[in-house]
PDB file of N, CA and C in Angstrom:
ATOM      1  N   MET A   1     103.268 101.426  75.939  1.00  0.00           N
ATOM      2  CA  MET A   1     102.613 103.484  75.550  1.00  0.00           C
ATOM      3  C   MET A   1     102.670 103.853  76.476  1.00  0.00           C
ATOM      4  N   ARG A   2     103.606 104.868  76.574  1.00  0.00           N
ATOM      5  CA  ARG A   2     103.030 106.066  77.160  1.00  0.00           C
ATOM      6  C   ARG A   2     101.782 106.854  76.925  1.00  0.00           C
ATOM      7  N   ARG A   3     101.101 107.133  77.913  1.00  0.00           N
ATOM      8  CA  ARG A   3      99.731 108.433  77.505  1.00  0.00           C
ATOM      9  C   ARG A   3     100.267 109.599  78.212  1.00  0.00           C
ATOM     10  N   LEU A   4     100.486 110.937  77.504  1.00  0.00           N
ATOM     11  CA  LEU A   4     100.817 112.359  77.378  1.00  0.00           C
ATOM     12  C   LEU A   4      99.485 112.845  77.879  1.00  0.00           C
ATOM     13  N   VAL A   5      99.624 113.856  78.643  1.00  0.00           N
ATOM     14  CA  VAL A   5      98.679 114.367  79.419  1.00  0.00           C
ATOM     15  C   VAL A   5      98.826 115.931  78.896  1.00  0.00           C
ATOM     16  N   LEU A   6      98.247 116.338  78.480  1.00  0.00           N
ATOM     17  CA  LEU A   6      98.528 117.975  78.448  1.00  0.00           C
ATOM     18  C   LEU A   6      98.009 118.931  78.746  1.00  0.00           C
ATOM     19  N   LEU A   7      98.333 119.905  80.146  1.00  0.00           N
ATOM     20  CA  LEU A   7      97.525 121.161  80.854  1.00  0.00           C
ATOM     21  C   LEU A   7      97.218 122.372  79.980  1.00  0.00           C
ATOM     22  N   PRO A   8      95.917 122.306  79.431  1.00  0.00           N
ATOM     23  CA  PRO A   8      95.846 123.927  78.977  1.00  0.00           C
ATOM     24  C   PRO A   8      95.755 125.065  79.692  1.00  0.00           C
ATOM     25  N   LEU A   9      95.863 125.913  78.274  1.00  0.00           N
ATOM     26  CA  LEU A   9      96.957 127.306  79.098  1.00  0.00           C
ATOM     27  C   LEU A   9      95.743 127.574  80.565  1.00  0.00           C
ATOM     28  N   VAL A  10      96.615 128.371  81.177  1.00  0.00           N
ATOM     29  CA  VAL A  10      95.983 129.204  82.372  1.00  0.00           C
ATOM     30  C   VAL A  10      94.580 129.944  81.708  1.00  0.00           C
ATOM     31  N   GLY A  11      93.377 129.813  82.567  1.00  0.00           N
ATOM     32  CA  GLY A  11      92.049 130.877  81.865  1.00  0.00           C
ATOM     33  C   GLY A  11      91.303 130.233  81.032  1.00  0.00           C
ATOM     34  N   LEU A  12      91.192 128.570  81.130  1.00  0.00           N
ATOM     35  CA  LEU A  12      90.084 127.912  80.010  1.00  0.00           C
ATOM     36  C   LEU A  12      89.214 128.203  79.383  1.00  0.00           C
ATOM     37  N   ALA A  13      88.474 128.285  79.098  1.00  0.00           N
ATOM     38  CA  ALA A  13      86.929 128.783  78.938  1.00  0.00           C
ATOM     39  C   ALA A  13      85.805 127.799  78.124  1.00  0.00           C
ATOM     40  N   GLY A  14      86.644 126.435  77.780  1.00  0.00           N
ATOM     41  CA  GLY A  14      86.248 125.678  77.160  1.00  0.00           C
ATOM     42  C   GLY A  14      86.832 124.467  76.469  1.00  0.00           C
ATOM     43  N   ALA A  15      85.838 123.140  76.955  1.00  0.00           N
ATOM     44  CA  ALA A  15      87.148 122.502  75.600  1.00  0.00           C
ATOM     45  C   ALA A  15      85.710 122.202  75.175  1.00  0.00           C
ATOM     46  N   PHE A  16      85.364 121.088  73.830  1.00  0.00           N
ATOM     47  CA  PHE A  16      85.125 120.762  73.327  1.00  0.00           C
ATOM     48  C   PHE A  16      85.686 119.658  72.084  1.00  0.00           C
ATOM     49  N   GLN A  17      84.687 118.367  71.909  1.00  0.00           N
ATOM     50  CA  GLN A  17      85.332 117.514  70.590  1.00  0.00           C
ATOM     51  C   GLN A  17      84.527 117.599  69.264  1.00  0.00           C
ATOM     52  N   LEU A  18      85.866 118.031  68.434  1.00  0.00           N
ATOM     53  CA  LEU A  18      85.468 118.166  67.039  1.00  0.00           C
ATOM     54  C   LEU A  18      86.233 117.959  66.310  1.00  0.00           C
ATOM     55  N   ALA A  19      85.649 117.240  64.858  1.00  0.00           N
ATOM     56  CA  ALA A  19      86.249 115.671  64.180  1.00  0.00           C
ATOM     57  C   ALA A  19      86.900 115.350  64.794  1.00  0.00           C
ATOM     58  N   GLY A  20      86.358 114.310  65.959  1.00  0.00           N
ATOM     59  CA  GLY A  20      87.209 113.689  66.500  1.00  0.00           C
ATOM     60  C   GLY A  20      89.083 113.937  67.656  1.00  0.00           C
ATOM     61  N   ASN A  21      89.237 115.491  67.209  1.00  0.00           N
ATOM     62  CA  ASN A  21      89.894 116.522  68.053  1.00  0.00           C
ATOM     63  C   ASN A  21      89.856 116.926  69.506  1.00  0.00           C
ATOM     64  N   LYS A  22      89.889 116.815  70.566  1.00  0.00           N
ATOM     65  CA  LYS A  22      89.859 117.638  71.415  1.00  0.00           C
ATOM     66  C   LYS A  22      90.984 118.767  71.430  1.00  0.00           C
ATOM     67  N   VAL A  23      89.926 120.470  71.897  1.00  0.00           N
ATOM     68  CA  VAL A  23      89.963 121.440  71.501  1.00  0.00           C
ATOM     69  C   VAL A  23      89.457 122.301  72.332  1.00  0.00           C
ATOM     70  N   TYR A  24      90.198 123.493  72.376  1.00  0.00           N
ATOM     71  CA  TYR A  24      90.311 123.846  73.652  1.00  0.00           C
ATOM     72  C   TYR A  24      90.366 125.589  73.320  1.00  0.00           C
ATOM     73  N   TRP A  25      88.844 126.183  74.393  1.00  0.00           N
ATOM     74  CA  TRP A  25      88.801 127.877  73.922  1.00  0.00           C
ATOM     75  C   TRP A  25      88.846 128.495  74.909  1.00  0.00           C
ATOM     76  N   THR A  26      89.685 129.654  75.051  1.00  0.00           N
ATOM     77  CA  THR A  26      89.274 131.316  75.883  1.00  0.00           C
ATOM     78  C   THR A  26      89.568 132.623  75.555  1.00  0.00           C
ATOM     79  N   GLN A  27      88.552 133.077  76.640  1.00  0.00           N
ATOM     80  CA  GLN A  27      88.721 134.807  75.788  1.00  0.00           C
ATOM     81  C   GLN A  27      89.179 135.136  76.803  1.00  0.00           C
ATOM     82  N   VAL A  28      89.730 136.447  76.431  1.00  0.00           N
ATOM     83  CA  VAL A  28      90.813 137.267  77.476  1.00  0.00           C
ATOM     84  C   VAL A  28      90.076 138.869  77.368  1.00  0.00           C
ATOM     85  N   THR A  29      89.633 139.084  78.249  1.00  0.00           N
ATOM     86  CA  THR A  29      88.970 140.299  78.051  1.00  0.00           C
ATOM     87  C   THR A  29      89.667 141.959  78.536  1.00  0.00           C
ATOM     88  N   ASP A  30      91.615 141.149  78.994  1.00  0.00           N
ATOM     89  CA  ASP A  30      92.474 142.063  79.136  1.00  0.00           C
ATOM     90  C   ASP A  30      92.460 143.551  78.162  1.00  0.00           C
ATOM     91  N   PRO A  31      92.124 144.926  77.519  1.00  0.00           N
ATOM     92  CA  PRO A  31      92.395 145.351  76.379  1.00  0.00           C
ATOM     93  C   PRO A  31      94.003 145.700  75.754  1.00  0.00           C
ATOM     94  N   THR A  32      94.719 145.056  76.832  1.00  0.00           N
ATOM     95  CA  THR A  32      96.723 145.217  76.139  1.00  0.00           C
ATOM     96  C   THR A  32      96.595 143.651  75.387  1.00  0.00           C
ATOM     97  N   VAL A  33      95.874 142.775  75.564  1.00  0.00           N
ATOM     98  CA  VAL A  33      96.646 141.778  75.068  1.00  0.00           C
ATOM     99  C   VAL A  33      95.701 141.661  73.512  1.00  0.00           C
ATOM    100  N   GLU A  34      96.345 141.245  72.450  1.00  0.00           N
ATOM    101  CA  GLU A  34      96.345 141.389  71.019  1.00  0.00           C
ATOM    102  C   GLU A  34      95.232 140.564  70.642  1.00  0.00           C
ATOM    103  N   TYR A  35      94.682 139.413  70.887  1.00  0.00           N
ATOM    104  CA  TYR A  35      93.461 138.103  70.887  1.00  0.00           C
ATOM    105  C   TYR A  35      92.474 138.477  71.545  1.00  0.00           C
ATOM    106  N   VAL A  36      91.532 138.593  70.996  1.00  0.00           N
ATOM    107  CA  VAL A  36      90.019 138.682  72.035  1.00  0.00           C
ATOM    108  C   VAL A  36      90.063 136.859  72.241  1.00  0.00           C
ATOM    109  N   GLN A  37      90.428 136.096  71.588  1.00  0.00           N
ATOM    110  CA  GLN A  37      89.588 135.323  71.994  1.00  0.00           C
ATOM    111  C   GLN A  37      90.847 134.086  71.005  1.00  0.00           C
ATOM    112  N   GLN A  38      90.593 132.376  71.691  1.00  0.00           N
ATOM    113  CA  GLN A  38      91.253 132.533  71.072  1.00  0.00           C
ATOM    114  C   GLN A  38      91.581 130.036  71.396  1.00  0.00           C
ATOM    115  N   ALA A  39      91.724 129.332  70.055  1.00  0.00           N
ATOM    116  CA  ALA A  39      91.458 127.874  70.454  1.00  0.00           C
ATOM    117  C   ALA A  39      92.886 127.067  69.644  1.00  0.00           C
ATOM    118  N   TRP A  40      92.691 126.027  71.010  1.00  0.00           N
ATOM    119  CA  TRP A  40      94.576 125.289  70.278  1.00  0.00           C
ATOM    120  C   TRP A  40      93.719 123.966  70.517  1.00  0.00           C
ATOM    121  N   ARG A  41      94.807 123.456  70.255  1.00  0.00           N
ATOM    122  CA  ARG A  41      94.809 121.434  70.324  1.00  0.00           C
ATOM    123  C   ARG A  41      96.920 121.573  69.973  1.00  0.00           C
ATOM    124  N   CYS A  42      96.997 120.419  70.505  1.00  0.00           N
ATOM    125  CA  CYS A  42      97.971 119.518  70.264  1.00  0.00           C
ATOM    126  C   CYS A  42      98.267 118.378  69.467  1.00  0.00           C
ATOM    127  N   VAL A  43      98.981 118.564  69.001  1.00  0.00           N
ATOM    128  CA  VAL A  43      99.618 117.231  67.993  1.00  0.00           C
ATOM    129  C   VAL A  43     100.584 116.490  68.102  1.00  0.00           C
ATOM    130  N   LYS A  44     100.888 115.718  67.577  1.00  0.00           N
ATOM    131  CA  LYS A  44     101.985 114.908  67.791  1.00  0.00           C
ATOM    132  C   LYS A  44     102.560 114.857  67.229  1.00  0.00           C
ATOM    133  N   HIS A  45     104.490 115.474  66.570  1.00  0.00           N
ATOM    134  CA  HIS A  45     105.055 115.791  65.644  1.00  0.00           C
ATOM    135  C   HIS A  45     105.648 114.294  65.183  1.00  0.00           C
ATOM    136  N   PRO A  46     106.297 113.690  64.060  1.00  0.00           N
ATOM    137  CA  PRO A  46     106.849 113.043  63.826  1.00  0.00           C
ATOM    138  C   PRO A  46     108.549 112.063  64.631  1.00  0.00           C
ATOM    139  N   SER A  47     108.636 113.389  64.765  1.00  0.00           N
ATOM    140  CA  SER A  47     110.346 113.835  66.186  1.00  0.00           C
ATOM    141  C   SER A  47     109.464 112.996  67.516  1.00  0.00           C
ATOM    142  N   HIS A  48     108.367 113.019  67.287  1.00  0.00           N
ATOM    143  CA  HIS A  48     107.155 112.588  69.033  1.00  0.00           C
ATOM    144  C   HIS A  48     107.626 113.876  69.586  1.00  0.00           C
ATOM    145  N   ARG A  49     107.066 115.044  69.352  1.00  0.00           N
ATOM    146  CA  ARG A  49     107.326 116.213  69.631  1.00  0.00           C
ATOM    147  C   ARG A  49     106.086 116.988  69.993  1.00  0.00           C
ATOM    148  N   LEU A  50     105.355 117.456  70.937  1.00  0.00           N
ATOM    149  CA  LEU A  50     104.150 118.176  71.307  1.00  0.00           C
ATOM    150  C   LEU A  50     104.370 119.225  70.363  1.00  0.00           C
ATOM    151  N   VAL A  51     103.133 119.492  69.288  1.00  0.00           N
ATOM    152  CA  VAL A  51     103.502 121.261  68.939  1.00  0.00           C
ATOM    153  C   VAL A  51     101.715 121.530  69.043  1.00  0.00           C
ATOM    154  N   ARG A  52     101.818 122.701  69.912  1.00  0.00           N
ATOM    155  CA  ARG A  52     100.585 123.104  69.873  1.00  0.00           C
ATOM    156  C   ARG A  52     100.394 123.776  68.645  1.00  0.00           C
ATOM    157  N   LEU A  53      98.832 123.809  68.754  1.00  0.00           N
ATOM    158  CA  LEU A  53      98.097 124.736  67.032  1.00  0.00           C
ATOM    159  C   LEU A  53      97.551 125.386  67.346  1.00  0.00           C
ATOM    160  N   VAL A  54      97.324 126.597  67.792  1.00  0.00           N
ATOM    161  CA  VAL A  54      96.283 127.357  67.956  1.00  0.00           C
ATOM    162  C   VAL A  54      95.985 128.788  66.395  1.00  0.00           C
ATOM    163  N   ALA A  55      94.944 128.693  67.084  1.00  0.00           N
ATOM    164  CA  ALA A  55      94.371 130.215  66.026  1.00  0.00           C
ATOM    165  C   ALA A  55      93.503 131.158  66.862  1.00  0.00           C
ATOM    166  N   SER A  56      94.297 132.123  66.161  1.00  0.00           N
ATOM    167  CA  SER A  56      93.001 133.435  67.677  1.00  0.00           C
ATOM    168  C   SER A  56      92.830 134.266  66.716  1.00  0.00           C
ATOM    169  N   SER A  57      91.822 135.630  67.834  1.00  0.00           N
ATOM    170  CA  SER A  57      90.795 136.102  66.960  1.00  0.00           C
ATOM    171  C   SER A  57      91.009 137.440  67.854  1.00  0.00           C
ATOM    172  N   GLN A  58      90.740 138.803  66.945  1.00  0.00           N
ATOM    173  CA  GLN A  58      91.055 139.938  67.391  1.00  0.00           C
ATOM    174  C   GLN A  58      88.424 139.771  67.396  1.00  0.00           C
ATOM    175  N   THR A  59      88.019 139.284  66.712  1.00  0.00           N
ATOM    176  CA  THR A  59      86.603 139.693  66.628  1.00  0.00           C
ATOM    177  C   THR A  59      86.154 139.183  68.051  1.00  0.00           C
ATOM    178  N   SER A  60      85.117 139.592  68.367  1.00  0.00           N
ATOM    179  CA  SER A  60      84.160 139.644  70.072  1.00  0.00           C
ATOM    180  C   SER A  60      83.411 137.809  69.961  1.00  0.00           C
ATOM    181  N   PRO A  61      83.208 137.405  70.547  1.00  0.00           N
ATOM    182  CA  PRO A  61      82.207 135.901  70.871  1.00  0.00           C
ATOM    183  C   PRO A  61      81.192 136.086  69.960  1.00  0.00           C
ATOM    184  N   ALA A  62      80.484 137.175  70.167  1.00  0.00           N
ATOM    185  CA  ALA A  62      79.571 137.390  70.331  1.00  0.00           C
ATOM    186  C   ALA A  62      79.482 137.401  68.478  1.00  0.00           C
ATOM    187  N   LYS A  63      80.835 137.278  67.888  1.00  0.00           N
ATOM    188  CA  LYS A  63      79.995 137.657  65.999  1.00  0.00           C
ATOM    189  C   LYS A  63      81.022 136.561  65.785  1.00  0.00           C
ATOM    190  N   LEU A  64      81.653 136.288  65.954  1.00  0.00           N
ATOM    191  CA  LEU A  64      82.693 134.769  65.895  1.00  0.00           C
ATOM    192  C   LEU A  64      82.484 133.524  67.413  1.00  0.00           C
ATOM    193  N   ALA A  65      81.712 132.750  67.232  1.00  0.00           N
ATOM    194  CA  ALA A  65      81.668 132.085  68.197  1.00  0.00           C
ATOM    195  C   ALA A  65      82.512 130.850  68.363  1.00  0.00           C
ATOM    196  N   ASP A  66      82.939 130.738  69.582  1.00  0.00           N
ATOM    197  CA  ASP A  66      83.693 129.556  70.165  1.00  0.00           C
ATOM    198  C   ASP A  66      83.588 128.350  69.408  1.00  0.00           C
ATOM    199  N   VAL A  67      82.740 127.948  68.838  1.00  0.00           N
ATOM    200  CA  VAL A  67      82.971 126.816  68.085  1.00  0.00           C
ATOM    201  C   VAL A  67      83.692 126.760  66.628  1.00  0.00           C
ATOM    202  N   GLY A  68      82.998 128.182  65.851  1.00  0.00           N
ATOM    203  CA  GLY A  68      83.959 128.322  64.583  1.00  0.00           C
ATOM    204  C   GLY A  68      85.143 128.901  65.220  1.00  0.00           C
ATOM    205  N   LEU A  69      85.769 129.371  65.828  1.00  0.00           N
ATOM    206  CA  LEU A  69      87.474 129.489  65.823  1.00  0.00           C
ATOM    207  C   LEU A  69      87.748 128.178  66.177  1.00  0.00           C
ATOM    208  N   GLY A  70      87.414 127.309  67.044  1.00  0.00           N
ATOM    209  CA  GLY A  70      87.739 125.599  67.096  1.00  0.00           C
ATOM    210  C   GLY A  70      87.744 124.933  66.127  1.00  0.00           C
ATOM    211  N   ARG A  71      86.937 125.161  65.173  1.00  0.00           N
ATOM    212  CA  ARG A  71      86.670 124.444  63.798  1.00  0.00           C
ATOM    213  C   ARG A  71      87.764 124.533  62.918  1.00  0.00           C
ATOM    214  N   VAL A  72      88.346 125.525  63.160  1.00  0.00           N
ATOM    215  CA  VAL A  72      90.284 125.742  62.055  1.00  0.00           C
ATOM    216  C   VAL A  72      90.692 125.371  63.136  1.00  0.00           C
ATOM    217  N   VAL A  73      90.934 125.187  63.800  1.00  0.00           N
ATOM    218  CA  VAL A  73      91.721 124.466  65.582  1.00  0.00           C
ATOM    219  C   VAL A  73      91.614 122.993  64.818  1.00  0.00           C
ATOM    220  N   ALA A  74      90.424 122.600  64.736  1.00  0.00           N
ATOM    221  CA  ALA A  74      90.555 121.574  64.516  1.00  0.00           C
ATOM    222  C   ALA A  74      90.587 120.529  63.374  1.00  0.00           C
ATOM    223  N   SER A  75      90.531 121.224  62.521  1.00  0.00           N
ATOM    224  CA  SER A  75      90.903 120.927  60.794  1.00  0.00           C
ATOM    225  C   SER A  75      92.030 121.202  60.650  1.00  0.00           C
ATOM    226  N   ALA A  76      93.030 121.862  61.226  1.00  0.00           N
ATOM    227  CA  ALA A  76      94.115 122.395  60.628  1.00  0.00           C
ATOM    228  C   ALA A  76      95.211 120.744  60.817  1.00  0.00           C
ATOM    229  N   ARG A  77      96.235 120.727  60.528  1.00  0.00           N
ATOM    230  CA  ARG A  77      96.888 119.424  60.357  1.00  0.00           C
ATOM    231  C   ARG A  77      98.293 120.413  60.285  1.00  0.00           C
ATOM    232  N   LEU A  78      99.249 119.043  61.149  1.00  0.00           N
ATOM    233  CA  LEU A  78     100.846 119.576  61.210  1.00  0.00           C
ATOM    234  C   LEU A  78     101.602 119.512  59.860  1.00  0.00           C
ATOM    235  N   ILE A  79     102.252 120.004  59.240  1.00  0.00           N
ATOM    236  CA  ILE A  79     102.980 120.075  57.926  1.00  0.00           C
ATOM    237  C   ILE A  79     104.093 119.961  58.173  1.00  0.00           C
ATOM    238  N   ARG A  80     104.759 118.757  58.038  1.00  0.00           N
ATOM    239  CA  ARG A  80     105.974 117.684  57.538  1.00  0.00           C
ATOM    240  C   ARG A  80     107.192 117.821  56.992  1.00  0.00           C
TER     241      ARG A  80
END
């Protein structure tokens, strides 16, 4: 069995282990970007492709903590 290593997006600000899933989080300070922060994780599709599940928010990290957004991604499931 091959082990797949995924490189997170550039600008990684944190990584968490939530509900048994590795979740990555980043924050953007550029005003031209539509989101302020995002969290993501990768899951394996039944066809053995990797799919990135992403949750993003325009709410500042002062109002929506990184772990709060990460919980959304950690609890998400791939629809088959």
